[in-house]
């Protein structure tokens, strides 16, 4: 079973063209985080840690959590190989509390992690995010709409106010380079 999971991890790692993905997402992430004054960022569902590493290379204090132990192990290896000091933790977003963190300026959840939660869990996860966000902190979530990749060529940013917190959701609806 573990050997099959390692094979899946290999394909997961090589499925995404990370240079292209980060060149598309990076300007939005960096600009939004800088504009909000964020310095400390938590990537929930960090996978292989590519966004954490990217943010650290760009001056942010970023950490990552993931429920998959192989992802956390591989994220640590990749960060080590790139000589980037980064913290990755094996943790479910549902278990994230203000007791196990000293707070974040921003929480990000990218690449459809959000859509993997069931309705009841999603409410708890969002409540946890708002508890660990510092006053004025932001959440950036991404949910990919695969059907619209082939239909449109636009990027849409949606903002919502939730008390003192700002929720930002960037919807990528541009055609995938692989669909061309």
Protein backbone atom coordinates (compact mmCIF):
# COMPACT_ATOMS: atom_id res chain seq x y z
CA UNK A 1 0.00 0.00 0.00
CA UNK A 2 2.76 2.45 0.95
CA UNK A 3 4.57 1.68 -2.32
CA UNK A 4 1.40 2.54 -4.29
CA UNK A 5 1.10 5.82 -2.36
CA UNK A 6 4.71 6.66 -3.19
CA UNK A 7 3.99 6.06 -6.89
CA UNK A 8 0.94 8.35 -6.67
CA UNK A 9 3.09 10.97 -4.95
CA UNK A 10 5.60 10.80 -7.82
CA UNK A 11 2.83 11.41 -10.37
CA UNK A 12 1.27 14.13 -8.23
CA UNK A 13 4.61 15.91 -8.02
CA UNK A 14 5.24 15.74 -11.76
CA UNK A 15 1.67 16.37 -12.91
CA UNK A 16 1.88 20.11 -12.29
CA UNK A 17 4.20 22.47 -14.13
CA UNK A 18 5.09 24.39 -10.98
CA UNK A 19 7.11 27.09 -12.71
CA UNK A 20 4.15 27.99 -14.90
CA UNK A 21 1.64 27.69 -12.09
CA UNK A 22 3.64 29.92 -9.76
CA UNK A 23 4.26 32.45 -12.55
CA UNK A 24 0.47 32.74 -12.94
CA UNK A 25 -0.55 32.63 -9.27
CA UNK A 26 2.51 34.32 -7.80
CA UNK A 27 1.79 37.94 -8.74
CA UNK A 28 -1.71 37.75 -7.27
CA UNK A 29 -0.53 36.05 -4.08
CA UNK A 30 2.40 38.37 -3.52
CA UNK A 31 0.43 41.50 -4.36
CA UNK A 32 -2.56 40.58 -2.20
CA UNK A 33 -0.45 39.48 0.76
CA UNK A 34 1.75 42.58 0.58
CA UNK A 35 -1.23 44.89 0.16
CA UNK A 36 -2.83 43.38 3.27
CA UNK A 37 0.40 43.75 5.25
CA UNK A 38 0.65 40.00 5.82
CA UNK A 39 3.96 38.61 6.95
CA UNK A 40 3.05 35.27 8.50
CA UNK A 41 1.13 32.90 6.21
CA UNK A 42 -0.32 29.41 6.70
CA UNK A 43 -0.91 27.19 3.67
CA UNK A 44 -3.61 24.65 4.54
CA UNK A 45 -3.50 21.57 2.37
CA UNK A 46 0.02 22.53 1.35
CA UNK A 47 0.69 19.33 -0.57
CA UNK A 48 4.32 19.37 -1.65
CA UNK A 49 4.89 22.80 -0.11
CA UNK A 50 5.55 24.63 -3.36
CA UNK A 51 3.54 27.72 -2.34
CA UNK A 52 5.19 27.79 1.10
CA UNK A 53 8.64 27.64 -0.52
CA UNK A 54 7.64 30.31 -3.06
CA UNK A 55 6.38 32.62 -0.31
CA UNK A 56 9.50 32.08 1.80
CA UNK A 57 11.69 32.91 -1.20
CA UNK A 58 9.72 36.15 -1.45
CA UNK A 59 10.21 37.20 2.16
CA UNK A 60 7.16 35.74 3.91
CA UNK A 61 7.20 33.61 7.06
CA UNK A 62 5.13 30.75 5.64
CA UNK A 63 4.21 27.39 7.15
CA UNK A 64 2.26 24.49 5.69
CA UNK A 65 -0.10 21.82 6.99
CA UNK A 66 -1.42 18.75 5.23
CA UNK A 67 -3.25 15.56 6.24
CA UNK A 68 -1.13 13.35 3.99
CA UNK A 69 2.08 12.24 5.74
CA UNK A 70 3.81 11.57 2.41
CA UNK A 71 3.09 15.13 1.29
CA UNK A 72 4.54 16.54 4.49
CA UNK A 73 7.66 14.37 4.22
CA UNK A 74 8.16 15.31 0.56
CA UNK A 75 7.53 19.02 1.24
CA UNK A 76 10.28 18.94 3.89
CA UNK A 77 12.63 17.21 1.43
CA UNK A 78 11.94 19.72 -1.35
CA UNK A 79 12.46 22.68 1.02
CA UNK A 80 15.70 21.12 2.28
CA UNK A 81 16.92 20.47 -1.29
CA UNK A 82 16.22 24.13 -2.15
CA UNK A 83 17.93 25.30 1.05
CA UNK A 84 14.72 26.98 2.26
CA UNK A 85 13.95 26.79 5.98
CA UNK A 86 10.26 25.96 6.20
CA UNK A 87 7.89 24.34 8.67
CA UNK A 88 5.51 21.64 7.50
CA UNK A 89 3.14 19.92 9.89
CA UNK A 90 0.98 16.81 9.63
CA UNK A 91 -2.37 18.26 10.62
CA UNK A 92 -5.98 18.39 9.55
CA UNK A 93 -7.40 21.91 9.14
CA UNK A 94 -10.28 20.73 11.30
CA UNK A 95 -7.83 20.33 14.21
CA UNK A 96 -6.25 23.75 13.81
CA UNK A 97 -6.86 25.92 16.86
CA UNK A 98 -5.57 29.09 18.44
CA UNK A 99 -3.97 26.85 21.08
CA UNK A 100 -1.59 25.25 18.57
CA UNK A 101 -0.54 28.45 16.78
CA UNK A 102 0.34 32.01 17.72
CA UNK A 103 -1.72 33.39 14.84
CA UNK A 104 -1.32 34.18 11.15
CA UNK A 105 -1.78 37.28 9.04
CA UNK A 106 -3.07 35.15 6.18
CA UNK A 107 -4.37 31.65 5.56
CA UNK A 108 -4.28 30.26 2.04
CA UNK A 109 -5.96 27.15 0.67
CA UNK A 110 -5.16 26.61 -2.98
CA UNK A 111 -5.69 24.04 -5.69
CA UNK A 112 -9.11 22.65 -4.80
CA UNK A 113 -8.34 21.55 -1.25
CA UNK A 114 -11.42 23.49 -0.21
CA UNK A 115 -13.71 21.39 -2.39
CA UNK A 116 -12.56 18.18 -0.69
CA UNK A 117 -14.37 19.09 2.56
CA UNK A 118 -17.91 18.01 3.33
CA UNK A 119 -20.41 20.74 4.31
CA UNK A 120 -20.26 20.16 8.08
CA UNK A 121 -16.47 20.07 8.08
CA UNK A 122 -16.14 23.19 5.94
CA UNK A 123 -17.98 25.27 8.54
CA UNK A 124 -15.64 24.05 11.28
CA UNK A 125 -12.57 24.64 9.12
CA UNK A 126 -13.59 28.24 8.35
CA UNK A 127 -14.34 28.89 12.01
CA UNK A 128 -10.85 27.61 12.82
CA UNK A 129 -9.30 29.89 10.21
CA UNK A 130 -11.03 32.93 11.64
CA UNK A 131 -9.83 31.96 15.13
CA UNK A 132 -6.17 31.75 14.07
CA UNK A 133 -6.19 34.84 11.87
CA UNK A 134 -4.84 37.96 13.53
CA UNK A 135 -7.10 41.04 13.44
CA UNK A 136 -7.24 42.28 9.85
CA UNK A 137 -6.00 38.88 8.62
CA UNK A 138 -7.10 37.49 5.26
CA UNK A 139 -8.08 34.14 3.80
CA UNK A 140 -7.27 33.30 0.19
CA UNK A 141 -9.05 30.25 -1.18
CA UNK A 142 -9.08 28.72 -4.60
CA UNK A 143 -11.68 26.43 -6.12
CA UNK A 144 -11.01 25.44 -9.69
CA UNK A 145 -13.88 25.29 -12.12
CA UNK A 146 -12.52 22.79 -14.61
CA UNK A 147 -15.50 23.11 -16.98
CA UNK A 148 -14.91 26.81 -17.52
CA UNK A 149 -11.21 26.35 -18.34
CA UNK A 150 -12.20 25.44 -21.86
CA UNK A 151 -14.87 28.12 -22.22
CA UNK A 152 -13.39 31.39 -21.02
CA UNK A 153 -10.22 33.39 -20.70
CA UNK A 154 -10.68 35.53 -17.61
CA UNK A 155 -9.65 35.76 -14.01
CA UNK A 156 -12.12 36.91 -11.44
CA UNK A 157 -11.36 38.21 -7.96
CA UNK A 158 -14.13 38.23 -5.39
CA UNK A 159 -13.97 40.00 -2.05
CA UNK A 160 -16.28 39.51 0.92
CA UNK A 161 -16.24 41.19 4.29
CA UNK A 162 -16.75 38.95 7.32
CA UNK A 163 -16.61 41.25 10.33
CA UNK A 164 -13.03 42.47 10.68
CA UNK A 165 -11.72 39.78 8.31
CA UNK A 166 -11.47 40.02 4.55
CA UNK A 167 -12.02 36.91 2.49
CA UNK A 168 -10.47 36.88 -0.96
CA UNK A 169 -11.18 34.21 -3.50
CA UNK A 170 -9.43 34.18 -6.84
CA UNK A 171 -11.19 32.08 -9.43
CA UNK A 172 -8.92 30.97 -12.25
CA UNK A 173 -11.00 30.44 -15.31
CA UNK A 174 -8.32 30.72 -17.95
CA UNK A 175 -7.69 27.86 -20.34
CA UNK A 176 -5.10 25.44 -19.06
CA UNK A 177 -1.86 25.44 -21.08
CA UNK A 178 -2.32 21.67 -21.34
CA UNK A 179 -5.74 22.09 -23.00
CA UNK A 180 -4.27 24.12 -25.85
